[in-house]
């Protein structure tokens, strides 16, 4: 009887630990235009959103990618959502993007932005963005932080934490 009780407790703990962790397989990666992506940049909820613009051919992007994966792990179960927006070329999904992402994470949602009108949408992401990669938008409601250039885990977590405490 005690053995059964302990087994049930172990199962509950193991299942409970994984309930808040969303995983992704990356068998398919959605290709979106900016019109489809834009609502992800302007949500008005009590959640902090972290949107990183990056590409596999961008060395600083590749270097900072693990920081976003670690932050997603740290904030698992919190009101923080991540979105990695790849600016790779659509014809590179199978040979570059999928293998890169599969080998580095299973917790970050990834989409590929395929919209040739970057002169229009870059300013909509942030008027401070020159278009250089990497670039990160961290926001909660109308409170926004935009960072052009590489960032590390401490930068990510401090910006998330500052927005989590805001009403």
Protein backbone atom coordinates (compact mmCIF):
# COMPACT_ATOMS: atom_id res chain seq x y z
CA UNK A 1 0.00 0.00 0.00
CA UNK A 2 2.78 2.43 0.91
CA UNK A 3 4.64 1.48 -2.27
CA UNK A 4 1.54 2.30 -4.36
CA UNK A 5 1.07 5.62 -2.57
CA UNK A 6 4.72 6.58 -3.19
CA UNK A 7 4.42 5.57 -6.85
CA UNK A 8 1.35 7.75 -7.28
CA UNK A 9 3.11 10.73 -5.65
CA UNK A 10 6.15 10.29 -7.94
CA UNK A 11 3.93 10.19 -11.04
CA UNK A 12 2.04 13.32 -9.93
CA UNK A 13 5.29 15.20 -9.31
CA UNK A 14 6.81 14.15 -12.65
CA UNK A 15 3.68 15.01 -14.62
CA UNK A 16 3.24 18.28 -12.75
CA UNK A 17 6.78 19.37 -13.53
CA UNK A 18 6.13 19.02 -17.25
CA UNK A 19 2.65 20.58 -17.41
CA UNK A 20 3.94 24.12 -17.86
CA UNK A 21 6.60 23.24 -20.38
CA UNK A 22 5.55 23.52 -23.99
CA UNK A 23 7.81 21.72 -26.41
CA UNK A 24 8.12 22.06 -30.17
CA UNK A 25 9.21 19.47 -32.72
CA UNK A 26 10.17 21.83 -35.59
CA UNK A 27 9.06 19.31 -38.21
CA UNK A 28 7.35 22.29 -39.78
CA UNK A 29 8.19 25.94 -39.34
CA UNK A 30 5.49 28.44 -40.21
CA UNK A 31 6.38 31.00 -42.86
CA UNK A 32 4.55 34.26 -42.20
CA UNK A 33 4.34 37.74 -43.65
CA UNK A 34 4.43 40.83 -41.45
CA UNK A 35 0.65 41.23 -41.48
CA UNK A 36 0.39 37.81 -39.85
CA UNK A 37 3.23 38.53 -37.39
CA UNK A 38 2.17 42.03 -36.36
CA UNK A 39 -0.50 40.99 -33.81
CA UNK A 40 2.27 39.13 -31.93
CA UNK A 41 4.02 42.49 -31.39
CA UNK A 42 1.12 44.40 -29.87
CA UNK A 43 -0.76 42.17 -27.43
CA UNK A 44 -2.28 43.97 -24.44
CA UNK A 45 -2.30 41.38 -21.69
CA UNK A 46 -0.56 40.87 -18.36
CA UNK A 47 2.03 38.68 -20.09
CA UNK A 48 5.58 39.72 -21.02
CA UNK A 49 6.39 38.95 -24.66
CA UNK A 50 9.94 38.45 -25.90
CA UNK A 51 10.31 38.60 -29.68
CA UNK A 52 13.76 38.05 -31.12
CA UNK A 53 14.61 38.74 -34.78
CA UNK A 54 17.54 36.60 -35.87
CA UNK A 55 18.98 34.39 -38.63
CA UNK A 56 21.21 31.33 -38.79
CA UNK A 57 23.68 33.22 -40.99
CA UNK A 58 24.08 35.94 -38.32
CA UNK A 59 26.98 35.08 -36.01
CA UNK A 60 25.84 37.28 -33.07
CA UNK A 61 22.34 35.78 -33.42
CA UNK A 62 23.71 32.26 -33.19
CA UNK A 63 25.79 33.23 -30.16
CA UNK A 64 22.82 34.68 -28.24
CA UNK A 65 20.30 31.95 -29.18
CA UNK A 66 21.15 29.79 -26.10
CA UNK A 67 20.39 32.77 -23.83
CA UNK A 68 16.81 32.86 -25.10
CA UNK A 69 16.53 29.11 -24.61
CA UNK A 70 17.79 29.43 -21.04
CA UNK A 71 15.43 32.35 -20.36
CA UNK A 72 12.51 30.27 -21.67
CA UNK A 73 13.54 27.58 -19.19
CA UNK A 74 13.82 30.07 -16.32
CA UNK A 75 10.39 31.59 -17.01
CA UNK A 76 8.62 28.33 -17.78
CA UNK A 77 5.27 28.50 -16.05
CA UNK A 78 5.43 32.30 -15.74
CA UNK A 79 3.52 34.90 -17.68
CA UNK A 80 6.33 35.20 -20.23
CA UNK A 81 6.10 34.10 -23.84
CA UNK A 82 8.89 33.88 -26.39
CA UNK A 83 8.86 34.03 -30.17
CA UNK A 84 11.96 33.60 -32.31
CA UNK A 85 11.43 35.28 -35.69
CA UNK A 86 13.90 33.95 -38.23
CA UNK A 87 14.86 36.15 -41.15
CA UNK A 88 16.52 33.27 -42.98
CA UNK A 89 15.60 32.74 -46.62
CA UNK A 90 12.60 30.44 -47.15
CA UNK A 91 14.67 28.13 -49.35
CA UNK A 92 16.98 27.54 -46.34
CA UNK A 93 14.35 26.09 -43.99
CA UNK A 94 15.19 22.44 -44.56
CA UNK A 95 18.96 22.66 -44.84
CA UNK A 96 19.76 25.41 -42.33
CA UNK A 97 16.91 26.59 -40.13
CA UNK A 98 15.34 23.30 -39.00
CA UNK A 99 18.64 21.55 -38.24
CA UNK A 100 19.89 24.61 -36.33
CA UNK A 101 16.78 24.93 -34.19
CA UNK A 102 16.37 21.19 -33.58
CA UNK A 103 19.93 20.95 -32.28
CA UNK A 104 19.59 23.89 -29.88
CA UNK A 105 16.13 23.96 -28.33
CA UNK A 106 12.75 22.35 -27.97
CA UNK A 107 11.12 25.12 -25.95
CA UNK A 108 11.22 28.20 -28.23
CA UNK A 109 8.53 28.80 -30.86
CA UNK A 110 10.08 29.73 -34.21
CA UNK A 111 8.55 31.32 -37.29
CA UNK A 112 10.19 32.48 -40.47
CA UNK A 113 9.29 36.01 -41.56
CA UNK A 114 9.15 36.20 -45.34
CA UNK A 115 8.10 39.72 -46.24
CA UNK A 116 10.12 41.71 -48.77
CA UNK A 117 8.70 45.04 -47.57
CA UNK A 118 11.20 45.47 -44.74
CA UNK A 119 11.31 49.24 -45.30
CA UNK A 120 7.67 49.28 -44.17
CA UNK A 121 7.67 46.76 -41.32
CA UNK A 122 11.03 47.49 -39.64
CA UNK A 123 9.72 50.83 -38.31
CA UNK A 124 6.53 49.14 -37.15
CA UNK A 125 8.60 46.81 -34.97
CA UNK A 126 10.51 49.81 -33.60
CA UNK A 127 11.25 53.27 -34.97
CA UNK A 128 14.72 52.83 -33.42
CA UNK A 129 15.54 49.73 -35.51
CA UNK A 130 17.97 50.15 -38.39
CA UNK A 131 17.16 46.63 -39.59
CA UNK A 132 20.40 45.10 -38.29
CA UNK A 133 20.34 41.71 -36.60
CA UNK A 134 19.95 40.55 -33.94
CA UNK A 135 17.11 42.66 -32.58
CA UNK A 136 14.84 41.99 -29.63
CA UNK A 137 11.51 43.44 -28.59
CA UNK A 138 10.43 42.80 -25.01
CA UNK A 139 7.05 44.19 -24.06
CA UNK A 140 4.07 44.04 -21.77
CA UNK A 141 1.09 46.09 -22.90
CA UNK A 142 2.34 49.56 -23.78
CA UNK A 143 5.67 49.15 -21.94
CA UNK A 144 8.31 48.24 -24.51
CA UNK A 145 12.04 47.71 -24.60
CA UNK A 146 13.78 47.40 -27.95
CA UNK A 147 17.38 46.25 -28.18
CA UNK A 148 19.28 46.31 -31.45
CA UNK A 149 22.37 44.16 -31.31
CA UNK A 150 23.41 41.17 -29.25
CA UNK A 151 22.24 40.67 -25.69
CA UNK A 152 23.06 38.15 -23.00
CA UNK A 153 21.01 36.23 -20.48
CA UNK A 154 21.35 38.94 -17.82
CA UNK A 155 19.98 41.56 -20.25
CA UNK A 156 17.04 39.34 -21.16
CA UNK A 157 16.13 38.44 -17.60
CA UNK A 158 16.53 41.98 -16.21
CA UNK A 159 14.25 43.39 -18.91
CA UNK A 160 11.68 40.64 -18.37
CA UNK A 161 11.81 41.11 -14.59
CA UNK A 162 11.33 44.88 -14.87
CA UNK A 163 8.20 44.37 -16.97
CA UNK A 164 6.81 41.54 -14.82
CA UNK A 165 6.54 43.90 -11.85
CA UNK A 166 4.70 46.60 -13.82
CA UNK A 167 0.91 46.48 -13.61
